[in-house]
Amino acid sequence: MRYSTLRKTGLLGHELILAAVILAGGCGQPQTVLTGLVTLDGKPIAGANLEFFPINGVGRVSVTETDASGRFRVTVAPSALSVTVIAIEVVGKIPDPAFPGSMIDDARDVFPQEYASHETTPLTAEPVEDKTTTIDFPLTSAENQGRR
């Protein structure tokens, strides 16, 4: 096939994308597995979203969600990581300001705001290369932070 035929059929684009994905898969960066448990005041939290950002800027950002028992498993760069944790819970219904007469979920943050941003989170992880590392995150609610 000629280049123009490949271009018209879209095959050239798909082949280039596939080649880029294969070559960039992990970008040659080492990866390792990190597991753990997220709790709030001692209770496991299901559906929490965790983000792992390499502190030194080397490696990729990894994202995962806790399962029904508050556990997570994720592939990360084996380097110092900044960790954020976010979860919301529906606490009721409120009027929808965009659609009078309709109701929407009234939700609140489960965790204190300090855990939601990489600029304020105290959470870090340092997984070991070529080894599954387990790091638990026992978090404390804003109401209980003075009782640590």
C-alpha atoms as a PDB file:
ATOM      1  CA  MET A   1       0.000   0.000   0.000  1.00  0.00           C
ATOM      2  CA  ARG A   2       1.100   3.465  -0.701  1.00  0.00           C
ATOM      3  CA  TYR A   3       1.414   6.139   2.002  1.00  0.00           C
ATOM      4  CA  SER A   4      -1.616   8.051   0.647  1.00  0.00           C
ATOM      5  CA  THR A   5      -3.769   4.884   0.765  1.00  0.00           C
ATOM      6  CA  LEU A   6      -2.710   4.205   4.345  1.00  0.00           C
ATOM      7  CA  ARG A   7      -3.447   7.788   5.248  1.00  0.00           C
ATOM      8  CA  LYS A   8      -6.912   7.693   3.649  1.00  0.00           C
ATOM      9  CA  THR A   9      -7.867   4.442   5.377  1.00  0.00           C
ATOM     10  CA  GLY A  10      -6.563   5.600   8.734  1.00  0.00           C
ATOM     11  CA  LEU A  11      -4.275   2.595   9.031  1.00  0.00           C
ATOM     12  CA  LEU A  12      -1.137   4.688   9.198  1.00  0.00           C
ATOM     13  CA  GLY A  13      -2.440   6.635  12.193  1.00  0.00           C
ATOM     14  CA  HIS A  14      -3.460   3.482  14.077  1.00  0.00           C
ATOM     15  CA  GLU A  15      -0.090   1.850  13.431  1.00  0.00           C
ATOM     16  CA  LEU A  16       1.748   4.932  14.669  1.00  0.00           C
ATOM     17  CA  ILE A  17      -0.400   5.135  17.796  1.00  0.00           C
ATOM     18  CA  LEU A  18       0.124   1.424  18.515  1.00  0.00           C
ATOM     19  CA  ALA A  19       3.885   1.794  18.062  1.00  0.00           C
ATOM     20  CA  ALA A  20       3.945   4.835  20.358  1.00  0.00           C
ATOM     21  CA  VAL A  21       1.978   2.987  23.049  1.00  0.00           C
ATOM     22  CA  ILE A  22       4.281  -0.047  22.855  1.00  0.00           C
ATOM     23  CA  LEU A  23       7.434   2.067  22.959  1.00  0.00           C
ATOM     24  CA  ALA A  24       6.174   4.407  25.675  1.00  0.00           C
ATOM     25  CA  GLY A  25       4.581   1.750  27.881  1.00  0.00           C
ATOM     26  CA  GLY A  26       6.081   2.812  31.170  1.00  0.00           C
ATOM     27  CA  CYS A  27       8.678   4.893  29.295  1.00  0.00           C
ATOM     28  CA  GLY A  28      11.348   2.483  30.482  1.00  0.00           C
ATOM     29  CA  GLN A  29      10.773   3.606  34.064  1.00  0.00           C
ATOM     30  CA  PRO A  30      10.997   0.890  36.728  1.00  0.00           C
ATOM     31  CA  GLN A  31       7.688   0.054  38.378  1.00  0.00           C
ATOM     32  CA  THR A  32       6.729  -1.732  41.578  1.00  0.00           C
ATOM     33  CA  VAL A  33       3.547  -2.712  43.425  1.00  0.00           C
ATOM     34  CA  LEU A  34       2.188  -0.806  46.414  1.00  0.00           C
ATOM     35  CA  THR A  35      -0.648  -2.181  48.546  1.00  0.00           C
ATOM     36  CA  GLY A  36      -2.326  -0.940  51.683  1.00  0.00           C
ATOM     37  CA  LEU A  37      -5.395  -0.045  53.689  1.00  0.00           C
ATOM     38  CA  VAL A  38      -7.069   3.364  54.066  1.00  0.00           C
ATOM     39  CA  THR A  39      -8.936   3.968  57.313  1.00  0.00           C
ATOM     40  CA  LEU A  40     -10.563   6.988  58.913  1.00  0.00           C
ATOM     41  CA  ASP A  41     -10.688   6.939  62.706  1.00  0.00           C
ATOM     42  CA  GLY A  42      -9.979   3.204  62.535  1.00  0.00           C
ATOM     43  CA  LYS A  43     -12.749   2.355  60.023  1.00  0.00           C
ATOM     44  CA  PRO A  44     -11.902   1.130  56.473  1.00  0.00           C
ATOM     45  CA  ILE A  45     -13.048   3.528  53.737  1.00  0.00           C
ATOM     46  CA  ALA A  46     -14.449   2.038  50.517  1.00  0.00           C
ATOM     47  CA  GLY A  47     -14.288   4.042  47.290  1.00  0.00           C
ATOM     48  CA  ALA A  48     -11.485   6.406  48.331  1.00  0.00           C
ATOM     49  CA  ASN A  49      -9.413   7.728  45.412  1.00  0.00           C
ATOM     50  CA  LEU A  50      -5.648   7.786  45.916  1.00  0.00           C
ATOM     51  CA  GLU A  51      -3.105   9.595  43.728  1.00  0.00           C
ATOM     52  CA  PHE A  52       0.631   8.931  43.959  1.00  0.00           C
ATOM     53  CA  PHE A  53       2.892  11.702  42.596  1.00  0.00           C
ATOM     54  CA  PRO A  54       6.674  11.247  42.369  1.00  0.00           C
ATOM     55  CA  ILE A  55       8.164  13.909  44.657  1.00  0.00           C
ATOM     56  CA  ASN A  56      11.324  14.247  42.548  1.00  0.00           C
ATOM     57  CA  GLY A  57       9.336  14.497  39.304  1.00  0.00           C
ATOM     58  CA  VAL A  58      10.694  11.190  37.959  1.00  0.00           C
ATOM     59  CA  GLY A  59       8.105   8.541  37.087  1.00  0.00           C
ATOM     60  CA  ARG A  60       4.441   8.604  36.336  1.00  0.00           C
ATOM     61  CA  VAL A  61       1.452   9.589  38.441  1.00  0.00           C
ATOM     62  CA  SER A  62      -0.505   6.535  39.576  1.00  0.00           C
ATOM     63  CA  VAL A  63      -4.162   6.464  40.603  1.00  0.00           C
ATOM     64  CA  THR A  64      -6.242   3.807  42.337  1.00  0.00           C
ATOM     65  CA  GLU A  65      -9.427   3.338  44.348  1.00  0.00           C
ATOM     66  CA  THR A  66     -10.002   1.396  47.546  1.00  0.00           C
ATOM     67  CA  ASP A  67     -12.212  -1.680  47.448  1.00  0.00           C
ATOM     68  CA  ALA A  68     -15.149  -2.453  49.762  1.00  0.00           C
ATOM     69  CA  SER A  69     -12.735  -3.305  52.607  1.00  0.00           C
ATOM     70  CA  GLY A  70     -10.652  -0.118  52.214  1.00  0.00           C
ATOM     71  CA  ARG A  71      -7.736  -1.927  50.530  1.00  0.00           C
ATOM     72  CA  PHE A  72      -5.850  -0.797  47.443  1.00  0.00           C
ATOM     73  CA  ARG A  73      -3.242  -2.157  45.029  1.00  0.00           C
ATOM     74  CA  VAL A  74      -1.440  -0.007  42.463  1.00  0.00           C
ATOM     75  CA  THR A  75       1.664  -0.020  40.272  1.00  0.00           C
ATOM     76  CA  VAL A  76       3.921   2.960  41.035  1.00  0.00           C
ATOM     77  CA  ALA A  77       7.405   4.305  40.437  1.00  0.00           C
ATOM     78  CA  PRO A  78       9.815   3.034  43.115  1.00  0.00           C
ATOM     79  CA  SER A  79      10.605   6.507  44.448  1.00  0.00           C
ATOM     80  CA  ALA A  80       9.429   8.906  47.145  1.00  0.00           C
ATOM     81  CA  LEU A  81       5.762   9.639  46.469  1.00  0.00           C
ATOM     82  CA  SER A  82       3.362  12.311  47.651  1.00  0.00           C
ATOM     83  CA  VAL A  83      -0.066  10.762  48.312  1.00  0.00           C
ATOM     84  CA  THR A  84      -3.506  12.362  48.224  1.00  0.00           C
ATOM     85  CA  VAL A  85      -6.729  10.701  49.353  1.00  0.00           C
ATOM     86  CA  ILE A  86     -10.199  11.928  48.402  1.00  0.00           C
ATOM     87  CA  ALA A  87     -13.650  10.473  49.052  1.00  0.00           C
ATOM     88  CA  ILE A  88     -17.152  11.889  49.241  1.00  0.00           C
ATOM     89  CA  GLU A  89     -20.292  10.598  50.872  1.00  0.00           C
ATOM     90  CA  VAL A  90     -23.875  11.487  50.133  1.00  0.00           C
ATOM     91  CA  VAL A  91     -25.540  12.845  53.261  1.00  0.00           C
ATOM     92  CA  GLY A  92     -28.951  13.698  51.826  1.00  0.00           C
ATOM     93  CA  LYS A  93     -30.709  15.622  49.087  1.00  0.00           C
ATOM     94  CA  ILE A  94     -30.871  19.356  48.386  1.00  0.00           C
ATOM     95  CA  PRO A  95     -32.771  21.452  45.827  1.00  0.00           C
ATOM     96  CA  ASP A  96     -31.009  21.670  42.464  1.00  0.00           C
ATOM     97  CA  PRO A  97     -30.417  25.381  41.780  1.00  0.00           C
ATOM     98  CA  ALA A  98     -30.240  24.745  38.030  1.00  0.00           C
ATOM     99  CA  PHE A  99     -33.581  22.921  37.873  1.00  0.00           C
ATOM    100  CA  PRO A 100     -36.203  24.275  40.293  1.00  0.00           C
ATOM    101  CA  GLY A 101     -38.318  21.483  41.743  1.00  0.00           C
ATOM    102  CA  SER A 102     -35.535  18.901  41.265  1.00  0.00           C
ATOM    103  CA  MET A 103     -33.293  17.460  43.940  1.00  0.00           C
ATOM    104  CA  ILE A 104     -29.589  16.555  43.805  1.00  0.00           C
ATOM    105  CA  ASP A 105     -27.267  14.694  46.143  1.00  0.00           C
ATOM    106  CA  ASP A 106     -25.858  16.668  49.039  1.00  0.00           C
ATOM    107  CA  ALA A 107     -22.306  15.380  49.401  1.00  0.00           C
ATOM    108  CA  ARG A 108     -19.461  16.114  51.777  1.00  0.00           C
ATOM    109  CA  ASP A 109     -15.773  15.301  51.869  1.00  0.00           C
ATOM    110  CA  VAL A 110     -15.025  12.230  53.969  1.00  0.00           C
ATOM    111  CA  PHE A 111     -11.420  13.232  54.731  1.00  0.00           C
ATOM    112  CA  PRO A 112     -10.032  16.543  55.990  1.00  0.00           C
ATOM    113  CA  GLN A 113      -8.993  18.851  53.125  1.00  0.00           C
ATOM    114  CA  GLU A 114      -5.289  18.583  53.972  1.00  0.00           C
ATOM    115  CA  TYR A 115      -5.255  15.085  52.390  1.00  0.00           C
ATOM    116  CA  ALA A 116      -6.730  16.307  49.071  1.00  0.00           C
ATOM    117  CA  SER A 117      -3.827  18.400  47.772  1.00  0.00           C
ATOM    118  CA  HIS A 118      -0.188  17.559  47.103  1.00  0.00           C
ATOM    119  CA  GLU A 119       0.712  20.953  48.519  1.00  0.00           C
ATOM    120  CA  THR A 120      -0.819  20.161  51.929  1.00  0.00           C
ATOM    121  CA  THR A 121      -0.905  16.386  52.317  1.00  0.00           C
ATOM    122  CA  PRO A 122       1.357  14.926  54.990  1.00  0.00           C
ATOM    123  CA  LEU A 123       1.052  11.506  53.331  1.00  0.00           C
ATOM    124  CA  THR A 124       4.034   9.962  51.582  1.00  0.00           C
ATOM    125  CA  ALA A 125       5.104   6.515  50.428  1.00  0.00           C
ATOM    126  CA  GLU A 126       8.498   5.054  49.530  1.00  0.00           C
ATOM    127  CA  PRO A 127       7.912   1.719  47.756  1.00  0.00           C
ATOM    128  CA  VAL A 128      10.813  -0.664  47.191  1.00  0.00           C
ATOM    129  CA  GLU A 129      11.736  -1.595  43.614  1.00  0.00           C
ATOM    130  CA  ASP A 130      10.977  -5.198  42.548  1.00  0.00           C
ATOM    131  CA  LYS A 131       9.104  -5.903  45.792  1.00  0.00           C
ATOM    132  CA  THR A 132       5.486  -5.477  46.840  1.00  0.00           C
ATOM    133  CA  THR A 133       5.450  -2.784  49.509  1.00  0.00           C
ATOM    134  CA  THR A 134       2.548  -2.424  51.954  1.00  0.00           C
ATOM    135  CA  ILE A 135       1.812   1.015  53.378  1.00  0.00           C
ATOM    136  CA  ASP A 136      -1.363   1.715  55.333  1.00  0.00           C
ATOM    137  CA  PHE A 137      -2.879   5.169  55.684  1.00  0.00           C
ATOM    138  CA  PRO A 138      -4.644   5.436  59.079  1.00  0.00           C
ATOM    139  CA  LEU A 139      -6.226   8.885  58.724  1.00  0.00           C
ATOM    140  CA  THR A 140      -7.927  10.967  61.381  1.00  0.00           C
ATOM    141  CA  SER A 141     -11.092  13.030  60.901  1.00  0.00           C
ATOM    142  CA  ALA A 142     -11.062  16.757  61.608  1.00  0.00           C
ATOM    143  CA  GLU A 143     -13.223  16.119  64.700  1.00  0.00           C
ATOM    144  CA  ASN A 144     -10.645  13.678  66.116  1.00  0.00           C
ATOM    145  CA  GLN A 145      -7.399  15.402  65.075  1.00  0.00           C
ATOM    146  CA  GLY A 146      -6.937  16.987  68.493  1.00  0.00           C
ATOM    147  CA  ARG A 147      -7.128  13.526  70.122  1.00  0.00           C
ATOM    148  CA  ARG A 148      -4.187  11.949  68.263  1.00  0.00           C
END
